[in-house]
Amino acid sequence: MTTFREYRSRIAAGSEPVHDQPALPSYAVPIQGERAGFVTRASAAIIDVVLVFLVVLGTVVAVWMLSFIVQPATSQADAFAGDRVPRVGALIAYGYVLNVVYWTVGWATGGRTVGNLILGVRVVNFRGERVRWAGAFVRALFCTLFVPGLLWVIVSGTNRSVQDVVLRTSVIHDWVVGVPGLTRKEHP
């Protein structure tokens, strides 16, 4: 497997044909494969947490609406009774579990979640490869339960969070390249 650093050096040396070069903006090519900083990582995490929150909110609405099928309301006060919606503690626990599952699946299958994809980053292990399921689960659990660990990126000289240091992972800039029709072609 070729790392992005090796790929960039081959392009710079001219050993890669022009049509194989990624269709990236010129400002993005130099940092492709480098570790992402705090703002990028925090923004990706915020996008992911908002998505999980929307799923939890959608679940609350669905449970509330389904409660009317199981037990129709007899009055307007009954329609908004507190027993039709799960308790706040249960919703928070559901959100945490859903977040761990979402991050685990995203990082174990392709190294990215929706937030990572939008921001152009990917989670990799110490070899620069996809994180395995067990590692993705532990990282997701660690990131969900110890959010302040992300702040270590600010003071770390290597742009690594506490989770990255402990689990030997990295979050690198990795824009999706090689999508058909998005690579430059040489014109004769």
N, C-alpha and C. Protein backbone atom coordinates (compact mmCIF):
# COMPACT_ATOMS: atom_id res chain seq x y z
N MET A 1 0.85 -1.18 0.00
CA MET A 1 0.00 0.00 0.00
C MET A 1 0.89 1.24 0.00
N THR A 2 0.58 2.17 -0.87
CA THR A 2 1.36 3.39 -0.98
C THR A 2 0.77 4.46 -0.08
N THR A 3 1.63 5.10 0.71
CA THR A 3 1.15 6.19 1.55
C THR A 3 1.03 7.44 0.69
N PHE A 4 0.30 8.42 1.20
CA PHE A 4 0.14 9.66 0.45
C PHE A 4 1.46 10.41 0.33
N ARG A 5 2.28 10.31 1.36
CA ARG A 5 3.59 10.97 1.33
C ARG A 5 4.43 10.40 0.19
N GLU A 6 4.43 9.06 0.04
CA GLU A 6 5.17 8.42 -1.05
C GLU A 6 4.57 8.81 -2.40
N TYR A 7 3.27 8.85 -2.49
CA TYR A 7 2.59 9.20 -3.73
C TYR A 7 2.95 10.63 -4.15
N ARG A 8 2.92 11.56 -3.17
CA ARG A 8 3.28 12.95 -3.47
C ARG A 8 4.72 13.06 -3.93
N SER A 9 5.62 12.29 -3.33
CA SER A 9 7.03 12.37 -3.73
C SER A 9 7.22 11.82 -5.14
N ARG A 10 6.47 10.78 -5.51
CA ARG A 10 6.55 10.27 -6.88
C ARG A 10 6.02 11.28 -7.89
N ILE A 11 4.96 11.98 -7.53
CA ILE A 11 4.42 13.01 -8.43
C ILE A 11 5.44 14.13 -8.60
N ALA A 12 6.04 14.56 -7.48
CA ALA A 12 7.03 15.64 -7.52
C ALA A 12 8.24 15.23 -8.35
N ALA A 13 8.62 13.95 -8.30
CA ALA A 13 9.77 13.47 -9.05
C ALA A 13 9.44 13.27 -10.52
N GLY A 14 8.16 13.33 -10.87
CA GLY A 14 7.75 13.19 -12.26
C GLY A 14 7.59 11.75 -12.70
N SER A 15 7.61 10.81 -11.77
CA SER A 15 7.47 9.41 -12.15
C SER A 15 6.01 8.98 -12.34
N GLU A 16 5.08 9.81 -11.93
CA GLU A 16 3.66 9.50 -12.12
C GLU A 16 3.16 10.29 -13.34
N PRO A 17 2.42 9.65 -14.24
CA PRO A 17 1.85 10.39 -15.37
C PRO A 17 0.85 11.43 -14.90
N VAL A 18 0.70 12.49 -15.67
CA VAL A 18 -0.18 13.60 -15.29
C VAL A 18 -1.62 13.14 -15.14
N HIS A 19 -2.09 12.23 -15.98
CA HIS A 19 -3.50 11.83 -15.91
C HIS A 19 -3.83 11.04 -14.65
N ASP A 20 -2.82 10.56 -13.92
CA ASP A 20 -3.08 9.85 -12.67
C ASP A 20 -3.06 10.75 -11.44
N GLN A 21 -2.74 12.03 -11.66
CA GLN A 21 -2.68 12.93 -10.52
C GLN A 21 -4.08 13.22 -10.02
N PRO A 22 -4.24 13.34 -8.70
CA PRO A 22 -5.58 13.57 -8.16
C PRO A 22 -6.11 14.93 -8.59
N ALA A 23 -7.43 14.99 -8.74
CA ALA A 23 -8.10 16.23 -9.10
C ALA A 23 -8.39 17.01 -7.82
N LEU A 24 -7.35 17.56 -7.24
CA LEU A 24 -7.47 18.33 -6.01
C LEU A 24 -7.08 19.76 -6.29
N PRO A 25 -7.62 20.69 -5.52
CA PRO A 25 -7.15 22.06 -5.65
C PRO A 25 -5.65 22.12 -5.32
N SER A 26 -4.95 23.05 -5.93
CA SER A 26 -3.50 23.13 -5.74
C SER A 26 -3.12 23.33 -4.28
N TYR A 27 -3.95 24.01 -3.51
CA TYR A 27 -3.62 24.24 -2.10
C TYR A 27 -3.81 22.97 -1.25
N ALA A 28 -4.54 21.99 -1.75
CA ALA A 28 -4.81 20.78 -0.98
C ALA A 28 -3.75 19.71 -1.19
N VAL A 29 -3.10 19.70 -2.33
CA VAL A 29 -2.13 18.65 -2.64
C VAL A 29 -0.98 18.59 -1.62
N PRO A 30 -0.40 19.70 -1.18
CA PRO A 30 0.73 19.60 -0.24
C PRO A 30 0.36 19.01 1.12
N ILE A 31 -0.89 19.10 1.54
CA ILE A 31 -1.23 18.57 2.87
C ILE A 31 -1.96 17.23 2.81
N GLN A 32 -2.19 16.72 1.60
CA GLN A 32 -2.81 15.40 1.47
C GLN A 32 -1.92 14.37 2.16
N GLY A 33 -2.46 13.63 3.11
CA GLY A 33 -1.70 12.63 3.85
C GLY A 33 -1.10 13.14 5.15
N GLU A 34 -1.13 14.43 5.38
CA GLU A 34 -0.61 15.01 6.63
C GLU A 34 -1.69 14.93 7.71
N ARG A 35 -1.28 15.00 8.97
CA ARG A 35 -2.26 14.94 10.07
C ARG A 35 -3.08 16.22 10.12
N ALA A 36 -4.37 16.04 10.37
CA ALA A 36 -5.31 17.16 10.44
C ALA A 36 -5.18 17.87 11.78
N GLY A 37 -5.48 19.15 11.78
CA GLY A 37 -5.40 19.95 12.99
C GLY A 37 -6.70 19.96 13.78
N PHE A 38 -6.71 20.76 14.82
CA PHE A 38 -7.83 20.82 15.76
C PHE A 38 -9.12 21.29 15.09
N VAL A 39 -9.06 22.37 14.34
CA VAL A 39 -10.29 22.95 13.76
C VAL A 39 -10.94 21.96 12.80
N THR A 40 -10.16 21.33 11.96
CA THR A 40 -10.71 20.36 11.01
C THR A 40 -11.34 19.18 11.73
N ARG A 41 -10.62 18.66 12.72
CA ARG A 41 -11.12 17.49 13.45
C ARG A 41 -12.34 17.84 14.29
N ALA A 42 -12.31 18.99 14.94
CA ALA A 42 -13.46 19.40 15.76
C ALA A 42 -14.67 19.65 14.87
N SER A 43 -14.47 20.25 13.71
CA SER A 43 -15.59 20.51 12.79
C SER A 43 -16.21 19.19 12.32
N ALA A 44 -15.37 18.22 11.99
CA ALA A 44 -15.88 16.91 11.56
C ALA A 44 -16.67 16.25 12.69
N ALA A 45 -16.15 16.35 13.91
CA ALA A 45 -16.84 15.76 15.06
C ALA A 45 -18.17 16.44 15.32
N ILE A 46 -18.20 17.76 15.17
CA ILE A 46 -19.45 18.51 15.37
C ILE A 46 -20.50 18.08 14.34
N ILE A 47 -20.09 17.92 13.09
CA ILE A 47 -21.02 17.46 12.06
C ILE A 47 -21.58 16.09 12.44
N ASP A 48 -20.70 15.19 12.89
CA ASP A 48 -21.13 13.85 13.27
C ASP A 48 -22.08 13.87 14.46
N VAL A 49 -21.77 14.67 15.47
CA VAL A 49 -22.61 14.74 16.66
C VAL A 49 -23.98 15.34 16.31
N VAL A 50 -24.00 16.34 15.43
CA VAL A 50 -25.28 16.92 15.01
C VAL A 50 -26.12 15.87 14.27
N LEU A 51 -25.48 15.07 13.43
CA LEU A 51 -26.21 14.00 12.73
C LEU A 51 -26.79 12.99 13.72
N VAL A 52 -25.99 12.60 14.70
CA VAL A 52 -26.48 11.67 15.72
C VAL A 52 -27.64 12.30 16.50
N PHE A 53 -27.51 13.58 16.85
CA PHE A 53 -28.58 14.28 17.56
C PHE A 53 -29.86 14.28 16.74
N LEU A 54 -29.74 14.52 15.43
CA LEU A 54 -30.93 14.52 14.57
C LEU A 54 -31.59 13.14 14.52
N VAL A 55 -30.77 12.09 14.53
CA VAL A 55 -31.33 10.73 14.57
C VAL A 55 -32.05 10.50 15.89
N VAL A 56 -31.46 10.94 17.00
CA VAL A 56 -32.12 10.79 18.31
C VAL A 56 -33.42 11.58 18.33
N LEU A 57 -33.40 12.79 17.81
CA LEU A 57 -34.61 13.61 17.75
C LEU A 57 -35.67 12.94 16.88
N GLY A 58 -35.25 12.40 15.74
CA GLY A 58 -36.19 11.68 14.87
C GLY A 58 -36.78 10.46 15.57
N THR A 59 -35.96 9.79 16.38
CA THR A 59 -36.44 8.63 17.13
C THR A 59 -37.49 9.06 18.15
N VAL A 60 -37.25 10.18 18.81
CA VAL A 60 -38.23 10.68 19.80
C VAL A 60 -39.56 10.98 19.10
N VAL A 61 -39.49 11.63 17.97
CA VAL A 61 -40.72 11.95 17.23
C VAL A 61 -41.43 10.67 16.79
N ALA A 62 -40.66 9.69 16.30
CA ALA A 62 -41.26 8.42 15.85
C ALA A 62 -41.90 7.66 17.02
N VAL A 63 -41.21 7.62 18.15
CA VAL A 63 -41.77 6.94 19.34
C VAL A 63 -43.04 7.66 19.79
N TRP A 64 -43.01 8.98 19.79
CA TRP A 64 -44.19 9.76 20.21
C TRP A 64 -45.37 9.48 19.28
N MET A 65 -45.10 9.46 17.97
CA MET A 65 -46.19 9.21 17.03
C MET A 65 -46.70 7.77 17.12
N LEU A 66 -45.81 6.82 17.29
CA LEU A 66 -46.23 5.42 17.40
C LEU A 66 -47.00 5.16 18.69
N SER A 67 -46.75 5.97 19.71
CA SER A 67 -47.47 5.78 20.97
C SER A 67 -48.97 6.00 20.79
N PHE A 68 -49.36 6.79 19.80
CA PHE A 68 -50.77 7.03 19.55
C PHE A 68 -51.45 5.84 18.89
N ILE A 69 -50.66 5.02 18.20
CA ILE A 69 -51.21 3.81 17.60
C ILE A 69 -51.45 2.77 18.70
N VAL A 70 -50.49 2.66 19.61
CA VAL A 70 -50.59 1.68 20.69
C VAL A 70 -51.67 2.08 21.69
N GLN A 71 -51.68 3.38 22.03
CA GLN A 71 -52.65 3.86 23.02
C GLN A 71 -53.15 5.24 22.57
N PRO A 72 -54.26 5.29 21.85
CA PRO A 72 -54.78 6.57 21.36
C PRO A 72 -55.05 7.55 22.51
N ALA A 73 -54.86 8.82 22.20
CA ALA A 73 -55.09 9.87 23.21
C ALA A 73 -56.59 10.07 23.41
N THR A 74 -56.97 10.25 24.66
CA THR A 74 -58.38 10.49 24.98
C THR A 74 -58.65 11.98 25.17
N SER A 75 -57.60 12.76 25.38
CA SER A 75 -57.76 14.21 25.52
C SER A 75 -56.48 14.89 25.02
N GLN A 76 -56.55 16.22 24.90
CA GLN A 76 -55.37 16.97 24.45
C GLN A 76 -54.25 16.87 25.48
N ALA A 77 -54.58 16.87 26.75
CA ALA A 77 -53.56 16.74 27.80
C ALA A 77 -52.89 15.38 27.72
N ASP A 78 -53.64 14.36 27.36
CA ASP A 78 -53.09 13.02 27.23
C ASP A 78 -52.11 12.93 26.06
N ALA A 79 -52.34 13.73 25.03
CA ALA A 79 -51.47 13.70 23.85
C ALA A 79 -50.06 14.17 24.18
N PHE A 80 -49.92 15.05 25.14
CA PHE A 80 -48.60 15.59 25.49
C PHE A 80 -48.12 15.11 26.85
N ALA A 81 -48.65 14.00 27.30
CA ALA A 81 -48.23 13.43 28.58
C ALA A 81 -46.78 12.96 28.48
N GLY A 82 -46.06 13.04 29.58
CA GLY A 82 -44.64 12.70 29.61
C GLY A 82 -44.34 11.23 29.39
N ASP A 83 -45.32 10.35 29.57
CA ASP A 83 -45.04 8.93 29.41
C ASP A 83 -45.01 8.49 27.94
N ARG A 84 -45.28 9.38 27.02
CA ARG A 84 -45.25 9.04 25.60
C ARG A 84 -43.85 9.21 25.00
N VAL A 85 -42.97 9.86 25.71
CA VAL A 85 -41.62 10.12 25.22
C VAL A 85 -40.63 9.52 26.22
N PRO A 86 -39.56 8.88 25.74
CA PRO A 86 -38.56 8.33 26.67
C PRO A 86 -37.96 9.43 27.55
N ARG A 87 -37.51 9.05 28.71
CA ARG A 87 -36.90 9.99 29.65
C ARG A 87 -35.59 10.55 29.10
N VAL A 88 -35.21 11.72 29.60
CA VAL A 88 -34.01 12.41 29.12
C VAL A 88 -32.77 11.55 29.31
N GLY A 89 -32.64 10.90 30.45
CA GLY A 89 -31.49 10.04 30.70
C GLY A 89 -31.37 8.92 29.68
N ALA A 90 -32.51 8.34 29.34
CA ALA A 90 -32.52 7.26 28.35
C ALA A 90 -32.14 7.80 26.97
N LEU A 91 -32.59 9.00 26.65
CA LEU A 91 -32.25 9.60 25.36
C LEU A 91 -30.76 9.93 25.27
N ILE A 92 -30.18 10.41 26.36
CA ILE A 92 -28.75 10.71 26.38
C ILE A 92 -27.94 9.42 26.22
N ALA A 93 -28.33 8.38 26.95
CA ALA A 93 -27.65 7.09 26.83
C ALA A 93 -27.77 6.55 25.41
N TYR A 94 -28.96 6.66 24.83
CA TYR A 94 -29.18 6.22 23.45
C TYR A 94 -28.28 7.01 22.49
N GLY A 95 -28.17 8.31 22.69
CA GLY A 95 -27.31 9.15 21.86
C GLY A 95 -25.85 8.73 21.94
N TYR A 96 -25.37 8.46 23.16
CA TYR A 96 -23.98 8.02 23.34
C TYR A 96 -23.74 6.68 22.64
N VAL A 97 -24.65 5.74 22.84
CA VAL A 97 -24.50 4.42 22.21
C VAL A 97 -24.55 4.55 20.69
N LEU A 98 -25.48 5.33 20.18
CA LEU A 98 -25.60 5.54 18.75
C LEU A 98 -24.34 6.19 18.19
N ASN A 99 -23.77 7.14 18.91
CA ASN A 99 -22.54 7.81 18.48
C ASN A 99 -21.38 6.81 18.40
N VAL A 100 -21.25 5.96 19.42
CA VAL A 100 -20.18 4.96 19.42
C VAL A 100 -20.35 4.00 18.23
N VAL A 101 -21.57 3.54 18.00
CA VAL A 101 -21.83 2.63 16.88
C VAL A 101 -21.53 3.32 15.56
N TYR A 102 -21.98 4.55 15.40
CA TYR A 102 -21.78 5.31 14.16
C TYR A 102 -20.29 5.50 13.87
N TRP A 103 -19.52 5.95 14.86
CA TRP A 103 -18.09 6.16 14.66
C TRP A 103 -17.38 4.83 14.42
N THR A 104 -17.76 3.79 15.14
CA THR A 104 -17.12 2.49 14.95
C THR A 104 -17.31 2.00 13.52
N VAL A 105 -18.53 2.02 13.04
CA VAL A 105 -18.81 1.55 11.68
C VAL A 105 -18.09 2.42 10.64
N GLY A 106 -18.15 3.73 10.81
CA GLY A 106 -17.49 4.63 9.87
C GLY A 106 -15.99 4.43 9.81
N TRP A 107 -15.36 4.36 10.96
CA TRP A 107 -13.90 4.23 11.00
C TRP A 107 -13.42 2.84 10.62
N ALA A 108 -14.20 1.81 10.91
CA ALA A 108 -13.77 0.45 10.60
C ALA A 108 -14.00 0.09 9.13
N THR A 109 -15.01 0.66 8.52
CA THR A 109 -15.31 0.29 7.13
C THR A 109 -14.51 1.09 6.11
N GLY A 110 -14.39 2.38 6.30
CA GLY A 110 -13.66 3.18 5.32
C GLY A 110 -12.77 4.24 5.93
N GLY A 111 -12.75 4.28 7.25
CA GLY A 111 -11.91 5.28 7.92
C GLY A 111 -12.56 6.63 8.03
N ARG A 112 -13.81 6.75 7.60
CA ARG A 112 -14.48 8.05 7.60
C ARG A 112 -15.93 7.95 8.04
N THR A 113 -16.37 9.06 8.60
CA THR A 113 -17.78 9.26 8.88
C THR A 113 -18.24 10.35 7.91
N VAL A 114 -19.48 10.75 8.00
CA VAL A 114 -19.96 11.83 7.13
C VAL A 114 -19.17 13.11 7.40
N GLY A 115 -18.94 13.43 8.67
CA GLY A 115 -18.16 14.62 9.01
C GLY A 115 -16.75 14.54 8.47
N ASN A 116 -16.12 13.37 8.57
CA ASN A 116 -14.78 13.18 8.02
C ASN A 116 -14.77 13.35 6.51
N LEU A 117 -15.78 12.81 5.85
CA LEU A 117 -15.87 12.91 4.40
C LEU A 117 -16.02 14.36 3.96
N ILE A 118 -16.89 15.10 4.63
CA ILE A 118 -17.11 16.51 4.28
C ILE A 118 -15.83 17.33 4.47
N LEU A 119 -15.09 17.04 5.54
CA LEU A 119 -13.87 17.81 5.85
C LEU A 119 -12.63 17.23 5.19
N GLY A 120 -12.75 16.09 4.53
CA GLY A 120 -11.62 15.51 3.82
C GLY A 120 -10.56 14.90 4.72
N VAL A 121 -11.00 14.19 5.76
CA VAL A 121 -10.05 13.51 6.64
C VAL A 121 -10.42 12.05 6.78
N ARG A 122 -9.45 11.26 7.24
CA ARG A 122 -9.67 9.83 7.43
C ARG A 122 -8.88 9.37 8.64
N VAL A 123 -9.42 8.41 9.38
CA VAL A 123 -8.75 7.84 10.54
C VAL A 123 -7.96 6.62 10.08
N VAL A 124 -6.68 6.58 10.45
CA VAL A 124 -5.81 5.46 10.08
C VAL A 124 -5.07 4.93 11.31
N ASN A 125 -4.59 3.70 11.23
CA ASN A 125 -3.80 3.15 12.34
C ASN A 125 -2.34 3.57 12.19
N PHE A 126 -1.45 3.02 13.00
CA PHE A 126 -0.06 3.44 12.99
C PHE A 126 0.67 3.05 11.72
N ARG A 127 0.11 2.16 10.93
CA ARG A 127 0.70 1.77 9.64
C ARG A 127 0.14 2.59 8.48
N GLY A 128 -0.82 3.47 8.77
CA GLY A 128 -1.45 4.25 7.71
C GLY A 128 -2.58 3.50 7.03
N GLU A 129 -3.04 2.42 7.65
CA GLU A 129 -4.10 1.60 7.08
C GLU A 129 -5.41 1.82 7.82
N ARG A 130 -6.46 1.23 7.28
CA ARG A 130 -7.78 1.30 7.91
C ARG A 130 -7.72 0.72 9.32
N VAL A 131 -8.42 1.34 10.25
CA VAL A 131 -8.49 0.86 11.62
C VAL A 131 -9.39 -0.37 11.65
N ARG A 132 -8.98 -1.41 12.36
CA ARG A 132 -9.79 -2.62 12.45
C ARG A 132 -10.98 -2.39 13.38
N TRP A 133 -11.94 -3.33 13.35
CA TRP A 133 -13.18 -3.17 14.11
C TRP A 133 -12.95 -2.95 15.59
N ALA A 134 -12.10 -3.76 16.21
CA ALA A 134 -11.86 -3.62 17.66
C ALA A 134 -11.24 -2.27 17.96
N GLY A 135 -10.25 -1.87 17.16
CA GLY A 135 -9.61 -0.57 17.36
C GLY A 135 -10.57 0.58 17.13
N ALA A 136 -11.43 0.45 16.11
CA ALA A 136 -12.41 1.50 15.83
C ALA A 136 -13.41 1.62 16.98
N PHE A 137 -13.81 0.47 17.55
CA PHE A 137 -14.74 0.50 18.67
C PHE A 137 -14.12 1.17 19.89
N VAL A 138 -12.90 0.78 20.23
CA VAL A 138 -12.24 1.37 21.40
C VAL A 138 -12.02 2.87 21.18
N ARG A 139 -11.62 3.25 19.97
CA ARG A 139 -11.41 4.67 19.67
C ARG A 139 -12.73 5.45 19.76
N ALA A 140 -13.80 4.87 19.22
CA ALA A 140 -15.11 5.54 19.27
C ALA A 140 -15.58 5.69 20.71
N LEU A 141 -15.40 4.65 21.51
CA LEU A 141 -15.77 4.71 22.92
C LEU A 141 -14.95 5.77 23.65
N PHE A 142 -13.65 5.78 23.40
CA PHE A 142 -12.73 6.73 24.03
C PHE A 142 -13.09 8.17 23.61
N CYS A 143 -13.34 8.39 22.32
CA CYS A 143 -13.67 9.74 21.83
C CYS A 143 -15.02 10.22 22.37
N THR A 144 -15.97 9.31 22.52
CA THR A 144 -17.30 9.68 23.00
C THR A 144 -17.29 10.00 24.49
N LEU A 145 -16.55 9.20 25.26
CA LEU A 145 -16.55 9.37 26.71
C LEU A 145 -15.52 10.38 27.21
N PHE A 146 -14.47 10.64 26.43
CA PHE A 146 -13.42 11.57 26.86
C PHE A 146 -13.21 12.64 25.79
N VAL A 147 -14.20 13.49 25.63
CA VAL A 147 -14.17 14.55 24.61
C VAL A 147 -12.99 15.51 24.80
N PRO A 148 -12.60 15.87 26.04
CA PRO A 148 -11.46 16.79 26.19
C PRO A 148 -10.15 16.25 25.62
N GLY A 149 -10.07 14.98 25.32
CA GLY A 149 -8.86 14.42 24.72
C GLY A 149 -8.53 15.06 23.39
N LEU A 150 -9.55 15.57 22.69
CA LEU A 150 -9.31 16.24 21.41
C LEU A 150 -8.50 17.51 21.59
N LEU A 151 -8.60 18.13 22.74
CA LEU A 151 -7.88 19.39 22.98
C LEU A 151 -6.36 19.21 22.95
N TRP A 152 -5.89 17.98 23.14
CA TRP A 152 -4.45 17.73 23.11
C TRP A 152 -3.87 18.04 21.73
N VAL A 153 -4.70 18.01 20.69
CA VAL A 153 -4.24 18.33 19.33
C VAL A 153 -3.66 19.74 19.29
N ILE A 154 -4.22 20.64 20.07
CA ILE A 154 -3.77 22.04 20.06
C ILE A 154 -2.32 22.16 20.54
N VAL A 155 -1.95 21.42 21.56
CA VAL A 155 -0.60 21.53 22.11
C VAL A 155 0.36 20.47 21.57
N SER A 156 -0.16 19.46 20.93
CA SER A 156 0.68 18.39 20.39
C SER A 156 1.42 18.89 19.16
N GLY A 157 2.68 18.64 19.10
CA GLY A 157 3.47 19.02 17.92
C GLY A 157 3.18 18.15 16.72
N THR A 158 2.53 17.02 16.95
CA THR A 158 2.23 16.09 15.86
C THR A 158 0.74 16.03 15.51
N ASN A 159 -0.05 16.96 16.02
CA ASN A 159 -1.49 17.01 15.76
C ASN A 159 -2.19 15.70 16.11
N ARG A 160 -1.92 15.20 17.30
CA ARG A 160 -2.55 13.96 17.75
C ARG A 160 -3.30 14.22 19.04
N SER A 161 -4.49 13.64 19.14
CA SER A 161 -5.29 13.76 20.36
C SER A 161 -4.79 12.73 21.38
N VAL A 162 -5.31 12.81 22.59
CA VAL A 162 -4.98 11.80 23.60
C VAL A 162 -5.37 10.42 23.09
N GLN A 163 -6.52 10.33 22.44
CA GLN A 163 -6.99 9.06 21.90
C GLN A 163 -6.00 8.52 20.86
N ASP A 164 -5.49 9.41 20.01
CA ASP A 164 -4.53 8.99 18.99
C ASP A 164 -3.23 8.49 19.61
N VAL A 165 -2.75 9.18 20.63
CA VAL A 165 -1.51 8.79 21.29
C VAL A 165 -1.67 7.42 21.95
N VAL A 166 -2.74 7.25 22.69
CA VAL A 166 -2.95 6.00 23.42
C VAL A 166 -3.19 4.83 22.46
N LEU A 167 -3.99 5.05 21.42
CA LEU A 167 -4.40 3.96 20.53
C LEU A 167 -3.55 3.86 19.26
N ARG A 168 -2.58 4.75 19.12
CA ARG A 168 -1.67 4.76 17.96
C ARG A 168 -2.43 4.91 16.64
N THR A 169 -3.31 5.90 16.60
CA THR A 169 -4.05 6.23 15.39
C THR A 169 -3.71 7.65 14.98
N SER A 170 -4.14 8.03 13.80
CA SER A 170 -3.97 9.39 13.31
C SER A 170 -5.19 9.77 12.48
N VAL A 171 -5.44 11.05 12.41
CA VAL A 171 -6.47 11.58 11.52
C VAL A 171 -5.73 12.38 10.47
N ILE A 172 -5.78 11.91 9.23
CA ILE A 172 -5.01 12.54 8.16
C ILE A 172 -5.94 13.21 7.14
N HIS A 173 -5.38 14.21 6.45
CA HIS A 173 -6.11 14.81 5.32
C HIS A 173 -6.12 13.78 4.21
N ASP A 174 -7.29 13.45 3.72
CA ASP A 174 -7.42 12.43 2.68
C ASP A 174 -8.70 12.71 1.90
N TRP A 175 -8.59 13.64 0.97
CA TRP A 175 -9.75 13.93 0.14
C TRP A 175 -9.96 12.76 -0.80
N VAL A 176 -11.20 12.49 -1.10
CA VAL A 176 -11.54 11.39 -2.00
C VAL A 176 -11.01 11.74 -3.37
N VAL A 177 -10.12 10.88 -3.87
CA VAL A 177 -9.54 11.09 -5.20
C VAL A 177 -9.76 9.84 -6.03
N GLY A 178 -9.60 9.98 -7.31
CA GLY A 178 -9.73 8.82 -8.17
C GLY A 178 -11.16 8.48 -8.52
N VAL A 179 -12.09 9.37 -8.24
CA VAL A 179 -13.47 9.15 -8.63
C VAL A 179 -13.55 9.31 -10.14
N PRO A 180 -14.18 8.37 -10.84
CA PRO A 180 -14.23 8.46 -12.31
C PRO A 180 -14.74 9.82 -12.77
N GLY A 181 -14.03 10.37 -13.72
CA GLY A 181 -14.42 11.67 -14.28
C GLY A 181 -13.86 12.86 -13.51
N LEU A 182 -13.16 12.60 -12.40
CA LEU A 182 -12.60 13.71 -11.63
C LEU A 182 -11.08 13.78 -11.66
N THR A 183 -10.44 12.99 -12.51
CA THR A 183 -8.99 13.10 -12.65
C THR A 183 -8.68 13.88 -13.92
N ARG A 184 -7.55 14.58 -13.86
CA ARG A 184 -7.14 15.37 -15.04
C ARG A 184 -6.70 14.45 -16.16
N LYS A 185 -7.03 14.79 -17.34
CA LYS A 185 -6.62 14.02 -18.53
C LYS A 185 -5.67 14.85 -19.36
N GLU A 186 -4.69 14.16 -19.97
CA GLU A 186 -3.80 14.86 -20.90
C GLU A 186 -4.54 15.00 -22.21
N HIS A 187 -4.45 16.16 -22.77
CA HIS A 187 -5.06 16.39 -24.08
C HIS A 187 -3.96 16.44 -25.13
N PRO A 188 -4.08 15.63 -26.19
CA PRO A 188 -3.02 15.61 -27.22
C PRO A 188 -2.92 16.89 -27.99
